[in-house]
Protein backbone atom coordinates (compact mmCIF):
# COMPACT_ATOMS: atom_id res chain seq x y z
CA MET A 1 -0.44 -25.78 6.49
CA LEU A 2 2.41 -23.36 7.15
CA GLU A 3 2.61 -22.33 3.47
CA PHE A 4 -1.15 -21.69 3.46
CA GLU A 5 -0.93 -19.57 6.62
CA LEU A 6 1.96 -17.51 5.23
CA LYS A 7 0.04 -16.81 2.02
CA VAL A 8 -3.07 -15.85 3.99
CA ASP A 9 -1.06 -13.56 6.27
CA THR A 10 0.46 -11.77 3.28
CA LEU A 11 -2.92 -11.33 1.59
CA LEU A 12 -4.55 -10.11 4.79
CA ALA A 13 -1.85 -7.49 5.37
CA GLN A 14 -2.50 -6.19 1.83
CA LEU A 15 -6.27 -6.37 2.28
CA ALA A 16 -6.21 -4.53 5.61
CA ALA A 17 -4.05 -1.74 4.17
CA LEU A 18 -6.28 -1.36 1.10
CA LEU A 19 -9.53 -1.31 3.06
CA ASN A 20 -8.24 0.91 5.88
CA GLY A 21 -6.77 3.28 3.31
CA ARG A 22 -10.26 3.88 1.95
CA GLY A 23 -12.09 3.63 5.25
CA TRP A 24 -14.05 0.68 3.85
CA LYS A 25 -15.43 -2.47 5.43
CA MET A 26 -16.05 -5.90 4.01
CA ALA A 27 -18.25 -8.94 4.53
CA THR A 28 -18.16 -12.56 3.42
CA ALA A 29 -20.90 -14.89 2.20
CA GLU A 30 -19.68 -18.47 2.40
CA SER A 31 -21.03 -21.89 1.66
CA CYS A 32 -18.33 -24.49 0.89
CA THR A 33 -15.76 -22.70 3.07
CA GLY A 34 -18.05 -22.70 6.11
CA GLY A 35 -16.81 -19.33 7.34
CA TRP A 36 -13.10 -19.98 6.77
CA VAL A 37 -12.57 -16.72 4.85
CA ALA A 38 -14.14 -14.76 7.71
CA LYS A 39 -12.12 -16.74 10.25
CA CYS A 40 -8.88 -15.86 8.47
CA CYS A 41 -9.86 -12.20 8.31
CA THR A 42 -10.66 -12.04 12.01
CA ASP A 43 -7.46 -13.88 12.93
CA LEU A 44 -5.65 -10.64 12.08
CA ALA A 45 -5.41 -8.30 15.07
CA GLY A 46 -7.16 -5.03 14.31
CA SER A 47 -9.48 -6.54 11.72
CA SER A 48 -12.45 -4.92 13.45
CA THR A 49 -11.51 -1.69 11.65
CA TRP A 50 -12.27 -3.24 8.26
CA PHE A 51 -14.18 -6.53 8.74
CA GLU A 52 -17.92 -6.19 9.39
CA ARG A 53 -19.39 -9.70 9.34
CA GLY A 54 -19.57 -13.09 7.72
CA PHE A 55 -22.62 -14.99 6.52
CA VAL A 56 -22.29 -18.78 6.56
CA THR A 57 -25.08 -19.88 4.26
CA TYR A 58 -24.54 -23.59 3.79
CA SER A 59 -28.16 -24.42 2.96
CA ASN A 60 -30.30 -23.04 0.15
CA GLU A 61 -32.74 -21.76 2.76
CA ALA A 62 -29.97 -19.77 4.46
CA LYS A 63 -28.85 -18.32 1.12
CA GLN A 64 -32.40 -17.10 0.51
CA GLN A 65 -33.12 -15.84 4.04
CA MET A 66 -29.81 -14.18 4.87
CA LEU A 67 -28.62 -13.01 1.46
CA GLY A 68 -31.74 -12.70 -0.67
CA VAL A 69 -30.66 -15.32 -3.21
CA SER A 70 -33.66 -16.01 -5.40
CA HIS A 71 -35.47 -19.32 -5.26
CA ASP A 72 -35.57 -19.31 -9.06
CA ALA A 73 -31.77 -19.00 -9.31
CA LEU A 74 -31.32 -21.93 -6.95
CA GLU A 75 -33.87 -24.06 -8.78
CA THR A 76 -32.66 -23.18 -12.28
CA HIS A 77 -28.89 -23.07 -11.80
CA GLY A 78 -28.26 -24.79 -8.46
CA ALA A 79 -26.43 -23.51 -5.40
CA VAL A 80 -23.07 -24.07 -7.09
CA SER A 81 -23.39 -21.60 -9.95
CA GLU A 82 -22.21 -18.22 -11.12
CA VAL A 83 -25.68 -16.73 -10.73
CA VAL A 84 -25.92 -17.79 -7.09
CA ALA A 85 -22.35 -16.69 -6.31
CA CYS A 86 -23.13 -13.23 -7.72
CA GLN A 87 -26.37 -12.97 -5.75
CA MET A 88 -24.60 -14.10 -2.57
CA ALA A 89 -21.95 -11.38 -2.90
CA GLU A 90 -24.53 -8.71 -3.71
CA GLY A 91 -26.70 -9.82 -0.78
CA ALA A 92 -23.76 -9.73 1.63
CA GLN A 93 -22.76 -6.26 0.49
CA LYS A 94 -26.30 -4.95 0.79
CA ASN A 95 -27.30 -6.68 4.04
CA ALA A 96 -24.04 -5.87 5.83
CA GLY A 97 -23.98 -2.28 4.53
CA VAL A 98 -20.35 -2.59 3.39
CA GLU A 99 -18.36 -1.51 0.38
CA VAL A 100 -16.74 -4.90 -0.31
CA ALA A 101 -18.07 -8.45 -0.24
CA VAL A 102 -16.88 -11.85 -1.42
CA SER A 103 -18.82 -15.08 -1.80
CA THR A 104 -17.88 -18.75 -2.19
CA THR A 105 -20.11 -21.64 -3.21
CA GLY A 106 -18.80 -24.96 -4.41
CA ILE A 107 -18.28 -28.68 -4.06
CA ALA A 108 -15.38 -29.41 -1.73
CA GLY A 109 -15.95 -33.17 -1.80
CA PRO A 110 -15.26 -35.91 -1.42
CA ASP A 111 -18.83 -36.54 -2.63
CA GLY A 112 -21.40 -34.43 -4.43
CA GLY A 113 -19.72 -33.95 -7.77
CA THR A 114 -21.27 -34.60 -11.17
CA PRO A 115 -19.80 -34.49 -14.69
CA GLU A 116 -21.21 -30.95 -15.07
CA LYS A 117 -20.17 -29.86 -11.57
CA PRO A 118 -17.14 -31.86 -10.45
CA VAL A 119 -15.68 -32.04 -6.97
CA GLY A 120 -13.39 -29.02 -6.61
CA LEU A 121 -15.63 -26.63 -8.57
CA VAL A 122 -16.05 -23.34 -6.72
CA HIS A 123 -17.89 -20.23 -7.88
CA PHE A 124 -16.89 -16.83 -6.51
CA GLY A 125 -18.55 -13.42 -6.41
CA TRP A 126 -16.83 -10.13 -5.62
CA CYS A 127 -18.61 -6.83 -4.99
CA VAL A 128 -16.59 -3.64 -4.72
CA ALA A 129 -18.31 -0.27 -4.27
CA GLY A 130 -18.97 1.49 -7.53
CA GLU A 131 -18.08 -1.54 -9.65
CA PRO A 132 -20.35 -4.17 -11.17
CA VAL A 133 -20.31 -7.51 -9.38
CA SER A 134 -17.73 -9.86 -10.87
CA CYS A 135 -17.87 -13.61 -10.72
CA GLY A 136 -15.69 -16.53 -11.66
CA ALA A 137 -15.22 -20.24 -11.21
CA VAL A 138 -12.23 -22.48 -10.60
CA VAL A 139 -11.90 -26.25 -10.37
CA PHE A 140 -9.37 -26.95 -7.62
CA GLU A 141 -7.46 -30.20 -7.22
CA GLY A 142 -7.03 -32.21 -4.06
CA GLU A 143 -9.01 -33.52 -1.15
CA ARG A 144 -11.66 -31.55 0.74
CA ASN A 145 -9.33 -29.53 2.95
CA ALA A 146 -7.06 -28.65 0.02
CA VAL A 147 -10.03 -27.44 -2.02
CA ARG A 148 -11.22 -25.28 0.86
CA GLN A 149 -7.76 -23.79 1.45
CA GLN A 150 -7.36 -22.95 -2.23
CA THR A 151 -10.83 -21.40 -2.16
CA VAL A 152 -9.90 -19.14 0.77
CA LEU A 153 -6.73 -17.98 -0.98
CA HIS A 154 -8.52 -17.34 -4.28
CA ALA A 155 -11.30 -15.38 -2.55
CA LEU A 156 -8.79 -13.15 -0.73
CA GLN A 157 -6.60 -12.72 -3.83
CA GLY A 158 -9.70 -11.67 -5.76
CA ILE A 159 -10.54 -8.94 -3.27
CA VAL A 160 -6.98 -7.64 -3.14
CA SER A 161 -6.61 -7.54 -6.93
CA ARG A 162 -9.92 -5.72 -7.37
CA LEU A 163 -9.05 -3.15 -4.72
CA GLU A 164 -5.57 -2.63 -6.18
CA ALA A 165 -7.15 -2.00 -9.58
CA LEU A 166 -9.05 0.94 -8.09
CA THR A 167 -5.91 2.75 -6.90
């Protein structure tokens, strides 16, 4: 756990500097991480200057109600899909009125995987003001907690790298 916490602390210091430098705020839209990305962000003292809110949308209904994810996307592609991850990030950015948003939706396990969508599959969405939404997927190894930790790190790394690319 210590290695995870050190990596998170490093990423959050970078993230805070990048967001504060622009006067921007961010939001999270999380499913498989259950709010862990937001929790890590708010663990950092002073995060209220750059962190607006987190949406924990574990159910399909919550994704639709809180983020505006379309019923058709959920029915056609499933909650664990690139389309839904993109819509989650866009919905968080819009509904929170922020410049930056990240989303996570996946299968942390130990159950729920299929050959097409194995345990460890996580889809991400990143919205940064003025840029088109970007999405990606990773299949992480390990048990449930390991998958969730890797998801948190990847989500934060994705925000930092996208913000650094703007400078």
